[in-house]
Amino acid sequence: MPAITYAVSGMSCGHCRATLTKAIGELDGVSGVEVDLDAGHVTVTSAGEPDDALIAETVDEAGYELTGRV
């Protein structure tokens, strides 16, 4: 299963981690989400190649900004 790491700005606390873990984790095909607040990274594990646009939209709707892959 591929794991892709994204740079996400605006995360600062456990609530941010929980919000993004839940929102991204609900997307089809996503099997895992790891949020590293210190690095500003979110790693998404999925069954296939993740849909960057959909993940970016989900992150945006949660109140954060996906700035690209790491």
N, C-alpha and C. Protein backbone atom coordinates (compact mmCIF):
# COMPACT_ATOMS: atom_id res chain seq x y z
N MET A 1 0.84 -1.19 0.00
CA MET A 1 0.00 0.00 0.00
C MET A 1 0.88 1.24 0.00
N PRO A 2 0.68 2.12 -0.97
CA PRO A 2 1.51 3.33 -1.01
C PRO A 2 1.17 4.30 0.11
N ALA A 3 2.21 4.96 0.62
CA ALA A 3 2.04 6.01 1.62
C ALA A 3 2.62 7.29 1.04
N ILE A 4 1.79 8.31 0.96
CA ILE A 4 2.19 9.60 0.40
C ILE A 4 2.16 10.64 1.52
N THR A 5 3.20 11.45 1.61
CA THR A 5 3.27 12.49 2.63
C THR A 5 3.01 13.85 1.99
N TYR A 6 2.14 14.61 2.64
CA TYR A 6 1.77 15.95 2.17
C TYR A 6 2.19 16.98 3.21
N ALA A 7 2.54 18.17 2.74
CA ALA A 7 2.79 19.30 3.62
C ALA A 7 1.46 20.02 3.84
N VAL A 8 1.12 20.24 5.10
CA VAL A 8 -0.15 20.89 5.44
C VAL A 8 0.15 22.01 6.43
N SER A 9 -0.34 23.20 6.12
CA SER A 9 -0.13 24.34 7.03
C SER A 9 -1.38 24.60 7.85
N GLY A 10 -1.16 25.19 9.02
CA GLY A 10 -2.27 25.57 9.89
C GLY A 10 -2.53 24.60 11.03
N MET A 11 -1.78 23.51 11.10
CA MET A 11 -1.99 22.53 12.18
C MET A 11 -1.14 22.92 13.38
N SER A 12 -1.72 22.81 14.59
CA SER A 12 -0.95 23.21 15.76
C SER A 12 -1.24 22.41 17.03
N CYS A 13 -2.27 21.55 17.02
CA CYS A 13 -2.65 20.90 18.28
C CYS A 13 -3.28 19.53 18.04
N GLY A 14 -3.61 18.87 19.13
CA GLY A 14 -4.24 17.56 19.05
C GLY A 14 -5.58 17.59 18.34
N HIS A 15 -6.31 18.69 18.48
CA HIS A 15 -7.59 18.81 17.78
C HIS A 15 -7.37 18.81 16.27
N CYS A 16 -6.32 19.51 15.83
CA CYS A 16 -5.98 19.52 14.40
C CYS A 16 -5.70 18.10 13.92
N ARG A 17 -4.91 17.37 14.70
CA ARG A 17 -4.57 15.99 14.35
C ARG A 17 -5.84 15.15 14.23
N ALA A 18 -6.71 15.24 15.22
CA ALA A 18 -7.93 14.44 15.23
C ALA A 18 -8.84 14.80 14.06
N THR A 19 -8.97 16.09 13.79
CA THR A 19 -9.84 16.55 12.71
C THR A 19 -9.38 16.01 11.36
N LEU A 20 -8.08 16.13 11.07
CA LEU A 20 -7.56 15.67 9.79
C LEU A 20 -7.55 14.15 9.69
N THR A 21 -7.23 13.48 10.77
CA THR A 21 -7.24 12.02 10.77
C THR A 21 -8.63 11.50 10.44
N LYS A 22 -9.64 12.09 11.03
CA LYS A 22 -11.02 11.66 10.78
C LYS A 22 -11.46 12.00 9.37
N ALA A 23 -11.24 13.25 8.94
CA ALA A 23 -11.72 13.70 7.63
C ALA A 23 -11.07 12.93 6.49
N ILE A 24 -9.74 12.80 6.52
CA ILE A 24 -9.04 12.09 5.45
C ILE A 24 -9.31 10.60 5.54
N GLY A 25 -9.38 10.09 6.76
CA GLY A 25 -9.62 8.66 6.97
C GLY A 25 -10.95 8.17 6.44
N GLU A 26 -11.91 9.09 6.28
CA GLU A 26 -13.23 8.71 5.76
C GLU A 26 -13.27 8.62 4.23
N LEU A 27 -12.20 9.04 3.55
CA LEU A 27 -12.19 8.99 2.09
C LEU A 27 -12.05 7.55 1.61
N ASP A 28 -12.69 7.24 0.49
CA ASP A 28 -12.61 5.90 -0.09
C ASP A 28 -11.17 5.52 -0.39
N GLY A 29 -10.79 4.32 -0.01
CA GLY A 29 -9.48 3.80 -0.33
C GLY A 29 -8.40 4.14 0.68
N VAL A 30 -8.67 5.07 1.60
CA VAL A 30 -7.66 5.45 2.59
C VAL A 30 -7.69 4.43 3.74
N SER A 31 -6.52 3.87 4.03
CA SER A 31 -6.45 2.88 5.10
C SER A 31 -5.72 3.38 6.34
N GLY A 32 -5.03 4.53 6.21
CA GLY A 32 -4.34 5.07 7.36
C GLY A 32 -3.96 6.53 7.17
N VAL A 33 -3.93 7.27 8.28
CA VAL A 33 -3.54 8.68 8.26
C VAL A 33 -2.66 8.93 9.48
N GLU A 34 -1.48 9.49 9.24
CA GLU A 34 -0.60 9.88 10.33
C GLU A 34 -0.31 11.36 10.21
N VAL A 35 -0.52 12.10 11.30
CA VAL A 35 -0.31 13.55 11.31
C VAL A 35 0.90 13.87 12.18
N ASP A 36 1.89 14.55 11.62
CA ASP A 36 3.07 14.99 12.36
C ASP A 36 2.98 16.51 12.48
N LEU A 37 2.51 16.97 13.64
CA LEU A 37 2.31 18.41 13.85
C LEU A 37 3.61 19.19 13.77
N ASP A 38 4.67 18.65 14.36
CA ASP A 38 5.95 19.37 14.38
C ASP A 38 6.50 19.60 12.98
N ALA A 39 6.40 18.60 12.13
CA ALA A 39 6.91 18.72 10.76
C ALA A 39 5.91 19.38 9.82
N GLY A 40 4.62 19.41 10.21
CA GLY A 40 3.59 19.94 9.32
C GLY A 40 3.27 18.99 8.19
N HIS A 41 3.36 17.68 8.48
CA HIS A 41 3.14 16.66 7.46
C HIS A 41 1.97 15.76 7.81
N VAL A 42 1.28 15.31 6.77
CA VAL A 42 0.22 14.32 6.90
C VAL A 42 0.56 13.20 5.92
N THR A 43 0.69 11.98 6.44
CA THR A 43 0.99 10.83 5.61
C THR A 43 -0.27 10.00 5.45
N VAL A 44 -0.61 9.75 4.19
CA VAL A 44 -1.84 9.02 3.85
C VAL A 44 -1.46 7.68 3.22
N THR A 45 -1.97 6.61 3.79
CA THR A 45 -1.78 5.27 3.23
C THR A 45 -3.07 4.87 2.57
N SER A 46 -2.99 4.37 1.34
CA SER A 46 -4.20 4.02 0.61
C SER A 46 -3.99 2.78 -0.23
N ALA A 47 -5.10 2.21 -0.67
CA ALA A 47 -5.06 0.99 -1.46
C ALA A 47 -4.41 1.22 -2.81
N GLY A 48 -4.58 2.40 -3.36
CA GLY A 48 -3.99 2.76 -4.66
C GLY A 48 -3.41 4.14 -4.59
N GLU A 49 -3.13 4.71 -5.74
CA GLU A 49 -2.61 6.08 -5.80
C GLU A 49 -3.68 7.04 -5.26
N PRO A 50 -3.35 7.84 -4.23
CA PRO A 50 -4.35 8.75 -3.68
C PRO A 50 -4.71 9.87 -4.65
N ASP A 51 -5.92 10.37 -4.53
CA ASP A 51 -6.41 11.48 -5.34
C ASP A 51 -5.99 12.78 -4.66
N ASP A 52 -4.90 13.38 -5.14
CA ASP A 52 -4.37 14.59 -4.50
C ASP A 52 -5.40 15.70 -4.42
N ALA A 53 -6.18 15.88 -5.48
CA ALA A 53 -7.17 16.96 -5.51
C ALA A 53 -8.24 16.74 -4.44
N LEU A 54 -8.68 15.50 -4.28
CA LEU A 54 -9.70 15.19 -3.28
C LEU A 54 -9.15 15.37 -1.86
N ILE A 55 -7.91 14.94 -1.65
CA ILE A 55 -7.30 15.12 -0.34
C ILE A 55 -7.11 16.60 -0.05
N ALA A 56 -6.67 17.38 -1.03
CA ALA A 56 -6.51 18.82 -0.84
C ALA A 56 -7.83 19.49 -0.51
N GLU A 57 -8.89 19.08 -1.19
CA GLU A 57 -10.23 19.64 -0.93
C GLU A 57 -10.68 19.28 0.49
N THR A 58 -10.44 18.06 0.91
CA THR A 58 -10.83 17.61 2.25
C THR A 58 -10.07 18.39 3.32
N VAL A 59 -8.77 18.58 3.10
CA VAL A 59 -7.94 19.34 4.04
C VAL A 59 -8.44 20.78 4.10
N ASP A 60 -8.75 21.37 2.96
CA ASP A 60 -9.25 22.74 2.89
C ASP A 60 -10.57 22.89 3.64
N GLU A 61 -11.48 21.94 3.42
CA GLU A 61 -12.79 21.98 4.08
C GLU A 61 -12.65 21.85 5.60
N ALA A 62 -11.58 21.19 6.05
CA ALA A 62 -11.34 21.04 7.48
C ALA A 62 -10.70 22.29 8.09
N GLY A 63 -10.30 23.25 7.22
CA GLY A 63 -9.76 24.50 7.71
C GLY A 63 -8.24 24.62 7.65
N TYR A 64 -7.60 23.76 6.87
CA TYR A 64 -6.15 23.76 6.74
C TYR A 64 -5.79 23.90 5.27
N GLU A 65 -4.48 23.98 4.98
CA GLU A 65 -4.07 24.15 3.60
C GLU A 65 -3.01 23.12 3.23
N LEU A 66 -3.32 22.28 2.24
CA LEU A 66 -2.36 21.33 1.71
C LEU A 66 -1.51 22.09 0.71
N THR A 67 -0.18 22.10 0.94
CA THR A 67 0.69 22.89 0.07
C THR A 67 1.48 22.03 -0.91
N GLY A 68 1.32 20.71 -0.86
CA GLY A 68 1.96 19.84 -1.83
C GLY A 68 2.47 18.55 -1.21
N ARG A 69 3.02 17.71 -2.07
CA ARG A 69 3.63 16.46 -1.60
C ARG A 69 5.03 16.77 -1.08
N VAL A 70 5.46 15.95 -0.14
CA VAL A 70 6.81 16.11 0.43
C VAL A 70 7.73 15.14 -0.26
